[in-house]
Amino acid sequence: MCRLILTAGLCLIIASLVSSDEANKSGDKSGASSVNFCSGRSDGLYAYPPDPQRFYQCSNGNTFILSCPASLVFSAISRVCDWPSATGTFCIGKADGNYVNTNNLNSFYMCSNGRTVLQDCQKGLIYKPSCNCCQQP
């Protein structure tokens, strides 16, 4: 089973590299000067504003446009592909831990290293910071 998952993951990576290389060769300009995006930039990963599921990879001044696996989006904050619910900005500058979601007491924000994950309580329960848990109202 592990080999199957690993093989599928490698296939996704190879497919995204091939499609990004083809996009670069064809002069994909759906982003502002995407072919020259990395000129003068440090090596690394950068958001691709026209499409949240894609991102730039800069390497030695070369620009590569890569795609996240299905259902994931690129987080400019953590610079990884992540679930859309984990790409919010609530936790930026906050200490790791759980925080009340004042818009919906049936859920709470879980912060870790600046990443935001919206976590739901079980039906009928609300998050209470006093016990750092979900309890009856």
N, C-alpha and C. Protein backbone atom coordinates (compact mmCIF):
# COMPACT_ATOMS: atom_id res chain seq x y z
N MET A 1 0.83 -1.19 0.00
CA MET A 1 0.00 0.00 0.00
C MET A 1 0.88 1.25 0.00
N CYS A 2 1.93 1.23 0.83
CA CYS A 2 2.82 2.39 0.90
C CYS A 2 3.47 2.66 -0.45
N ARG A 3 3.88 1.62 -1.15
CA ARG A 3 4.50 1.80 -2.46
C ARG A 3 3.54 2.44 -3.44
N LEU A 4 2.26 2.04 -3.37
CA LEU A 4 1.26 2.59 -4.26
C LEU A 4 1.10 4.09 -4.02
N ILE A 5 1.03 4.50 -2.76
CA ILE A 5 0.89 5.92 -2.43
C ILE A 5 2.14 6.68 -2.85
N LEU A 6 3.30 6.13 -2.56
CA LEU A 6 4.55 6.77 -2.93
C LEU A 6 4.66 6.91 -4.45
N THR A 7 4.31 5.87 -5.17
CA THR A 7 4.35 5.91 -6.63
C THR A 7 3.38 6.95 -7.17
N ALA A 8 2.17 6.99 -6.62
CA ALA A 8 1.18 7.98 -7.07
C ALA A 8 1.69 9.38 -6.80
N GLY A 9 2.32 9.59 -5.64
CA GLY A 9 2.87 10.91 -5.31
C GLY A 9 3.97 11.32 -6.28
N LEU A 10 4.84 10.39 -6.60
CA LEU A 10 5.91 10.69 -7.56
C LEU A 10 5.33 11.00 -8.94
N CYS A 11 4.29 10.28 -9.33
CA CYS A 11 3.66 10.54 -10.63
C CYS A 11 3.08 11.95 -10.66
N LEU A 12 2.45 12.38 -9.55
CA LEU A 12 1.91 13.74 -9.50
C LEU A 12 3.02 14.77 -9.64
N ILE A 13 4.12 14.55 -8.97
CA ILE A 13 5.24 15.50 -9.04
C ILE A 13 5.79 15.55 -10.46
N ILE A 14 6.01 14.39 -11.05
CA ILE A 14 6.55 14.35 -12.41
C ILE A 14 5.58 15.00 -13.39
N ALA A 15 4.28 14.72 -13.25
CA ALA A 15 3.28 15.31 -14.15
C ALA A 15 3.26 16.82 -14.01
N SER A 16 3.37 17.33 -12.77
CA SER A 16 3.35 18.78 -12.60
C SER A 16 4.62 19.41 -13.16
N LEU A 17 5.75 18.73 -13.04
CA LEU A 17 6.98 19.26 -13.61
C LEU A 17 6.92 19.29 -15.13
N VAL A 18 6.39 18.23 -15.74
CA VAL A 18 6.28 18.19 -17.20
C VAL A 18 5.33 19.27 -17.68
N SER A 19 4.16 19.41 -17.01
CA SER A 19 3.20 20.42 -17.46
C SER A 19 3.75 21.82 -17.24
N SER A 20 4.52 22.04 -16.18
CA SER A 20 5.08 23.37 -15.96
C SER A 20 6.16 23.67 -16.98
N ASP A 21 6.95 22.65 -17.35
CA ASP A 21 7.99 22.85 -18.34
C ASP A 21 7.36 23.17 -19.69
N GLU A 22 6.27 22.48 -20.05
CA GLU A 22 5.58 22.76 -21.29
C GLU A 22 5.00 24.16 -21.28
N ALA A 23 4.44 24.60 -20.13
CA ALA A 23 3.88 25.95 -20.03
C ALA A 23 4.97 26.98 -20.21
N ASN A 24 6.15 26.72 -19.64
CA ASN A 24 7.25 27.68 -19.78
C ASN A 24 7.75 27.74 -21.21
N LYS A 25 7.85 26.57 -21.89
CA LYS A 25 8.31 26.55 -23.26
C LYS A 25 7.34 27.25 -24.20
N SER A 26 6.04 27.15 -23.89
CA SER A 26 5.05 27.75 -24.77
C SER A 26 4.87 29.23 -24.46
N GLY A 27 5.62 29.73 -23.49
CA GLY A 27 5.54 31.16 -23.17
C GLY A 27 4.27 31.51 -22.43
N ASP A 28 3.85 30.69 -21.47
CA ASP A 28 2.65 30.95 -20.69
C ASP A 28 2.76 32.32 -20.06
N LYS A 29 1.92 33.25 -20.49
CA LYS A 29 1.96 34.60 -19.96
C LYS A 29 0.67 34.96 -19.26
N SER A 30 -0.01 33.97 -18.65
CA SER A 30 -1.26 34.26 -17.96
C SER A 30 -1.00 35.07 -16.71
N GLY A 31 0.22 35.05 -16.16
CA GLY A 31 0.60 35.91 -15.06
C GLY A 31 1.46 37.03 -15.63
N ALA A 32 1.56 38.14 -14.93
CA ALA A 32 2.36 39.27 -15.43
C ALA A 32 3.79 38.82 -15.63
N SER A 33 4.26 38.82 -16.85
CA SER A 33 5.60 38.41 -17.26
C SER A 33 6.07 37.16 -16.52
N SER A 34 5.23 36.11 -16.56
CA SER A 34 5.53 34.88 -15.83
C SER A 34 6.82 34.21 -16.30
N VAL A 35 7.17 34.34 -17.57
CA VAL A 35 8.38 33.69 -18.07
C VAL A 35 9.61 34.29 -17.40
N ASN A 36 9.61 35.58 -17.11
CA ASN A 36 10.75 36.25 -16.48
C ASN A 36 10.50 36.54 -15.00
N PHE A 37 9.53 35.91 -14.41
CA PHE A 37 9.15 36.19 -13.03
C PHE A 37 10.35 36.09 -12.08
N CYS A 38 11.20 35.10 -12.24
CA CYS A 38 12.28 34.84 -11.29
C CYS A 38 13.53 35.68 -11.53
N SER A 39 13.55 36.45 -12.59
CA SER A 39 14.70 37.29 -12.87
C SER A 39 14.94 38.24 -11.70
N GLY A 40 16.10 38.12 -11.05
CA GLY A 40 16.44 38.99 -9.92
C GLY A 40 15.86 38.54 -8.59
N ARG A 41 15.14 37.42 -8.55
CA ARG A 41 14.56 36.93 -7.29
C ARG A 41 15.42 35.80 -6.72
N SER A 42 15.31 35.62 -5.41
CA SER A 42 15.98 34.51 -4.73
C SER A 42 15.32 33.20 -5.11
N ASP A 43 16.09 32.12 -5.06
CA ASP A 43 15.52 30.79 -5.28
C ASP A 43 14.43 30.55 -4.24
N GLY A 44 13.37 29.89 -4.64
CA GLY A 44 12.29 29.58 -3.71
C GLY A 44 10.96 29.46 -4.42
N LEU A 45 9.91 29.37 -3.61
CA LEU A 45 8.55 29.22 -4.11
C LEU A 45 7.77 30.51 -3.88
N TYR A 46 6.96 30.90 -4.87
CA TYR A 46 6.20 32.14 -4.82
C TYR A 46 4.78 31.89 -5.32
N ALA A 47 3.84 32.65 -4.79
CA ALA A 47 2.44 32.54 -5.23
C ALA A 47 2.32 32.92 -6.70
N TYR A 48 1.38 32.30 -7.36
CA TYR A 48 1.05 32.59 -8.76
C TYR A 48 -0.35 33.21 -8.73
N PRO A 49 -0.47 34.54 -8.64
CA PRO A 49 -1.75 35.20 -8.41
C PRO A 49 -2.91 34.81 -9.33
N PRO A 50 -2.69 34.53 -10.62
CA PRO A 50 -3.84 34.18 -11.45
C PRO A 50 -4.53 32.88 -11.06
N ASP A 51 -3.83 31.98 -10.34
CA ASP A 51 -4.40 30.67 -10.03
C ASP A 51 -3.86 30.18 -8.69
N PRO A 52 -4.70 30.12 -7.64
CA PRO A 52 -4.22 29.72 -6.31
C PRO A 52 -3.72 28.28 -6.23
N GLN A 53 -4.04 27.47 -7.23
CA GLN A 53 -3.59 26.09 -7.21
C GLN A 53 -2.20 25.94 -7.84
N ARG A 54 -1.66 27.01 -8.41
CA ARG A 54 -0.35 26.97 -9.05
C ARG A 54 0.61 27.89 -8.29
N PHE A 55 1.91 27.70 -8.54
CA PHE A 55 2.91 28.54 -7.89
C PHE A 55 4.17 28.57 -8.75
N TYR A 56 4.98 29.61 -8.52
CA TYR A 56 6.26 29.72 -9.20
C TYR A 56 7.33 29.03 -8.37
N GLN A 57 8.26 28.37 -9.05
CA GLN A 57 9.47 27.90 -8.40
C GLN A 57 10.62 28.59 -9.12
N CYS A 58 11.42 29.33 -8.36
CA CYS A 58 12.58 30.02 -8.92
C CYS A 58 13.83 29.24 -8.58
N SER A 59 14.65 29.00 -9.60
CA SER A 59 15.90 28.28 -9.41
C SER A 59 16.94 28.85 -10.36
N ASN A 60 17.96 29.47 -9.78
CA ASN A 60 19.05 30.06 -10.58
C ASN A 60 18.52 31.02 -11.65
N GLY A 61 17.50 31.80 -11.31
CA GLY A 61 16.94 32.77 -12.25
C GLY A 61 15.96 32.18 -13.24
N ASN A 62 15.78 30.85 -13.22
CA ASN A 62 14.82 30.20 -14.11
C ASN A 62 13.44 30.15 -13.45
N THR A 63 12.40 30.31 -14.24
CA THR A 63 11.03 30.30 -13.76
C THR A 63 10.34 29.00 -14.14
N PHE A 64 9.75 28.33 -13.15
CA PHE A 64 8.95 27.14 -13.38
C PHE A 64 7.59 27.37 -12.76
N ILE A 65 6.52 27.06 -13.47
CA ILE A 65 5.17 27.19 -12.94
C ILE A 65 4.68 25.78 -12.64
N LEU A 66 4.45 25.50 -11.36
CA LEU A 66 4.05 24.17 -10.91
C LEU A 66 2.64 24.21 -10.38
N SER A 67 2.02 23.04 -10.26
CA SER A 67 0.66 22.93 -9.75
C SER A 67 0.63 22.09 -8.49
N CYS A 68 -0.24 22.47 -7.57
CA CYS A 68 -0.48 21.67 -6.37
C CYS A 68 -1.33 20.46 -6.76
N PRO A 69 -1.26 19.39 -5.97
CA PRO A 69 -2.16 18.25 -6.21
C PRO A 69 -3.62 18.70 -6.10
N ALA A 70 -4.52 17.93 -6.68
CA ALA A 70 -5.95 18.26 -6.69
C ALA A 70 -6.44 18.59 -5.28
N SER A 71 -7.31 19.58 -5.18
CA SER A 71 -7.97 20.04 -3.95
C SER A 71 -7.07 20.87 -3.04
N LEU A 72 -5.79 21.02 -3.36
CA LEU A 72 -4.90 21.82 -2.53
C LEU A 72 -4.61 23.15 -3.22
N VAL A 73 -4.26 24.15 -2.42
CA VAL A 73 -3.89 25.47 -2.93
C VAL A 73 -2.53 25.85 -2.36
N PHE A 74 -1.84 26.76 -3.05
CA PHE A 74 -0.52 27.19 -2.59
C PHE A 74 -0.69 28.27 -1.53
N SER A 75 -0.05 28.11 -0.39
CA SER A 75 -0.07 29.10 0.68
C SER A 75 1.19 29.95 0.59
N ALA A 76 1.00 31.23 0.32
CA ALA A 76 2.14 32.15 0.24
C ALA A 76 2.80 32.32 1.61
N ILE A 77 2.06 32.06 2.67
CA ILE A 77 2.58 32.22 4.03
C ILE A 77 3.53 31.08 4.38
N SER A 78 3.07 29.84 4.22
CA SER A 78 3.91 28.69 4.58
C SER A 78 4.71 28.15 3.40
N ARG A 79 4.41 28.63 2.20
CA ARG A 79 5.09 28.25 0.97
C ARG A 79 5.03 26.74 0.69
N VAL A 80 3.84 26.17 0.92
CA VAL A 80 3.56 24.77 0.61
C VAL A 80 2.14 24.67 0.05
N CYS A 81 1.84 23.55 -0.60
CA CYS A 81 0.47 23.26 -1.00
C CYS A 81 -0.26 22.76 0.23
N ASP A 82 -1.45 23.29 0.46
CA ASP A 82 -2.17 22.98 1.68
C ASP A 82 -3.67 22.97 1.40
N TRP A 83 -4.45 22.49 2.36
CA TRP A 83 -5.90 22.53 2.24
C TRP A 83 -6.35 23.98 2.28
N PRO A 84 -7.38 24.35 1.52
CA PRO A 84 -7.83 25.75 1.51
C PRO A 84 -8.16 26.30 2.89
N SER A 85 -8.70 25.46 3.79
CA SER A 85 -9.05 25.95 5.13
C SER A 85 -7.82 26.28 5.96
N ALA A 86 -6.64 25.85 5.51
CA ALA A 86 -5.41 26.08 6.28
C ALA A 86 -4.61 27.27 5.76
N THR A 87 -5.16 28.02 4.83
CA THR A 87 -4.39 29.09 4.22
C THR A 87 -4.85 30.47 4.67
N GLY A 88 -5.68 30.52 5.69
CA GLY A 88 -6.17 31.80 6.19
C GLY A 88 -5.07 32.60 6.86
N THR A 89 -5.40 33.83 7.21
CA THR A 89 -4.41 34.73 7.81
C THR A 89 -4.65 35.00 9.28
N PHE A 90 -5.66 34.37 9.89
CA PHE A 90 -6.00 34.64 11.28
C PHE A 90 -4.80 34.46 12.22
N CYS A 91 -3.99 33.45 12.01
CA CYS A 91 -2.92 33.10 12.95
C CYS A 91 -1.61 33.85 12.75
N ILE A 92 -1.53 34.67 11.73
CA ILE A 92 -0.28 35.40 11.50
C ILE A 92 -0.01 36.30 12.71
N GLY A 93 1.17 36.12 13.31
CA GLY A 93 1.57 36.91 14.46
C GLY A 93 1.02 36.42 15.79
N LYS A 94 0.25 35.34 15.79
CA LYS A 94 -0.32 34.80 17.03
C LYS A 94 0.51 33.61 17.51
N ALA A 95 0.49 33.40 18.82
CA ALA A 95 1.18 32.24 19.40
C ALA A 95 0.44 30.97 19.01
N ASP A 96 1.15 29.86 18.96
CA ASP A 96 0.51 28.57 18.68
C ASP A 96 -0.55 28.29 19.74
N GLY A 97 -1.65 27.70 19.32
CA GLY A 97 -2.74 27.37 20.25
C GLY A 97 -4.08 27.47 19.56
N ASN A 98 -5.14 27.34 20.35
CA ASN A 98 -6.51 27.41 19.85
C ASN A 98 -7.14 28.73 20.24
N TYR A 99 -7.99 29.27 19.34
CA TYR A 99 -8.63 30.56 19.55
C TYR A 99 -10.11 30.47 19.17
N VAL A 100 -10.94 31.22 19.90
CA VAL A 100 -12.38 31.26 19.63
C VAL A 100 -12.63 31.85 18.25
N ASN A 101 -13.55 31.25 17.53
CA ASN A 101 -14.04 31.82 16.27
C ASN A 101 -15.29 32.60 16.63
N THR A 102 -15.18 33.90 16.74
CA THR A 102 -16.32 34.73 17.18
C THR A 102 -17.45 34.73 16.15
N ASN A 103 -17.18 34.32 14.91
CA ASN A 103 -18.22 34.24 13.89
C ASN A 103 -19.04 32.96 13.98
N ASN A 104 -18.50 31.94 14.66
CA ASN A 104 -19.18 30.65 14.77
C ASN A 104 -18.62 29.93 15.99
N LEU A 105 -19.34 29.96 17.10
CA LEU A 105 -18.84 29.36 18.34
C LEU A 105 -18.76 27.84 18.26
N ASN A 106 -19.35 27.24 17.22
CA ASN A 106 -19.28 25.80 17.02
C ASN A 106 -17.95 25.39 16.38
N SER A 107 -17.05 26.36 16.22
CA SER A 107 -15.73 26.06 15.65
C SER A 107 -14.68 26.92 16.34
N PHE A 108 -13.42 26.63 16.06
CA PHE A 108 -12.33 27.41 16.64
C PHE A 108 -11.15 27.40 15.67
N TYR A 109 -10.26 28.36 15.86
CA TYR A 109 -9.06 28.44 15.05
C TYR A 109 -7.92 27.71 15.75
N MET A 110 -7.22 26.88 15.02
CA MET A 110 -6.06 26.19 15.54
C MET A 110 -4.84 26.80 14.85
N CYS A 111 -3.94 27.40 15.63
CA CYS A 111 -2.77 28.08 15.07
C CYS A 111 -1.51 27.27 15.35
N SER A 112 -0.69 27.12 14.31
CA SER A 112 0.58 26.42 14.45
C SER A 112 1.56 27.02 13.45
N ASN A 113 2.62 27.63 13.97
CA ASN A 113 3.65 28.23 13.12
C ASN A 113 3.07 29.22 12.11
N GLY A 114 2.08 30.00 12.52
CA GLY A 114 1.47 30.99 11.65
C GLY A 114 0.43 30.44 10.70
N ARG A 115 0.23 29.12 10.69
CA ARG A 115 -0.80 28.51 9.84
C ARG A 115 -2.13 28.53 10.55
N THR A 116 -3.19 28.75 9.80
CA THR A 116 -4.55 28.79 10.33
C THR A 116 -5.33 27.58 9.85
N VAL A 117 -5.89 26.83 10.80
CA VAL A 117 -6.78 25.72 10.47
C VAL A 117 -8.08 25.95 11.23
N LEU A 118 -9.20 25.99 10.50
CA LEU A 118 -10.51 26.14 11.12
C LEU A 118 -11.00 24.75 11.49
N GLN A 119 -11.23 24.53 12.77
CA GLN A 119 -11.62 23.22 13.27
C GLN A 119 -13.04 23.29 13.80
N ASP A 120 -13.90 22.35 13.42
CA ASP A 120 -15.29 22.31 13.90
C ASP A 120 -15.40 21.46 15.15
N CYS A 121 -16.29 21.89 16.07
CA CYS A 121 -16.65 21.07 17.22
C CYS A 121 -17.72 20.08 16.75
N GLN A 122 -17.96 19.04 17.55
CA GLN A 122 -19.05 18.12 17.22
C GLN A 122 -20.37 18.86 17.29
N LYS A 123 -21.36 18.37 16.56
CA LYS A 123 -22.67 19.01 16.51
C LYS A 123 -23.22 19.22 17.92
N GLY A 124 -23.68 20.44 18.18
CA GLY A 124 -24.29 20.77 19.47
C GLY A 124 -23.30 21.27 20.51
N LEU A 125 -21.99 21.21 20.21
CA LEU A 125 -20.98 21.67 21.17
C LEU A 125 -20.40 22.99 20.70
N ILE A 126 -19.85 23.76 21.66
CA ILE A 126 -19.17 25.01 21.33
C ILE A 126 -17.77 24.98 21.94
N TYR A 127 -16.88 25.74 21.33
CA TYR A 127 -15.51 25.80 21.84
C TYR A 127 -15.46 26.72 23.05
N LYS A 128 -14.81 26.24 24.12
CA LYS A 128 -14.64 27.02 25.35
C LYS A 128 -13.15 27.12 25.66
N PRO A 129 -12.61 28.36 25.61
CA PRO A 129 -11.19 28.53 25.87
C PRO A 129 -10.78 28.15 27.30
N SER A 130 -11.73 28.21 28.25
CA SER A 130 -11.39 27.90 29.64
C SER A 130 -10.88 26.47 29.80
N CYS A 131 -11.38 25.55 28.98
CA CYS A 131 -10.91 24.16 29.05
C CYS A 131 -10.17 23.77 27.78
N ASN A 132 -10.09 24.69 26.81
CA ASN A 132 -9.47 24.44 25.53
C ASN A 132 -10.10 23.19 24.90
N CYS A 133 -11.46 23.16 24.92
CA CYS A 133 -12.18 22.01 24.41
C CYS A 133 -13.56 22.42 23.94
N CYS A 134 -14.26 21.48 23.32
CA CYS A 134 -15.63 21.70 22.89
C CYS A 134 -16.54 21.06 23.95
N GLN A 135 -17.52 21.85 24.42
CA GLN A 135 -18.44 21.38 25.47
C GLN A 135 -19.86 21.82 25.15
N GLN A 136 -20.79 21.32 25.97
CA GLN A 136 -22.18 21.76 25.87
C GLN A 136 -22.25 23.27 26.15
N PRO A 137 -23.14 23.98 25.48
CA PRO A 137 -23.26 25.44 25.74
C PRO A 137 -23.75 25.72 27.15
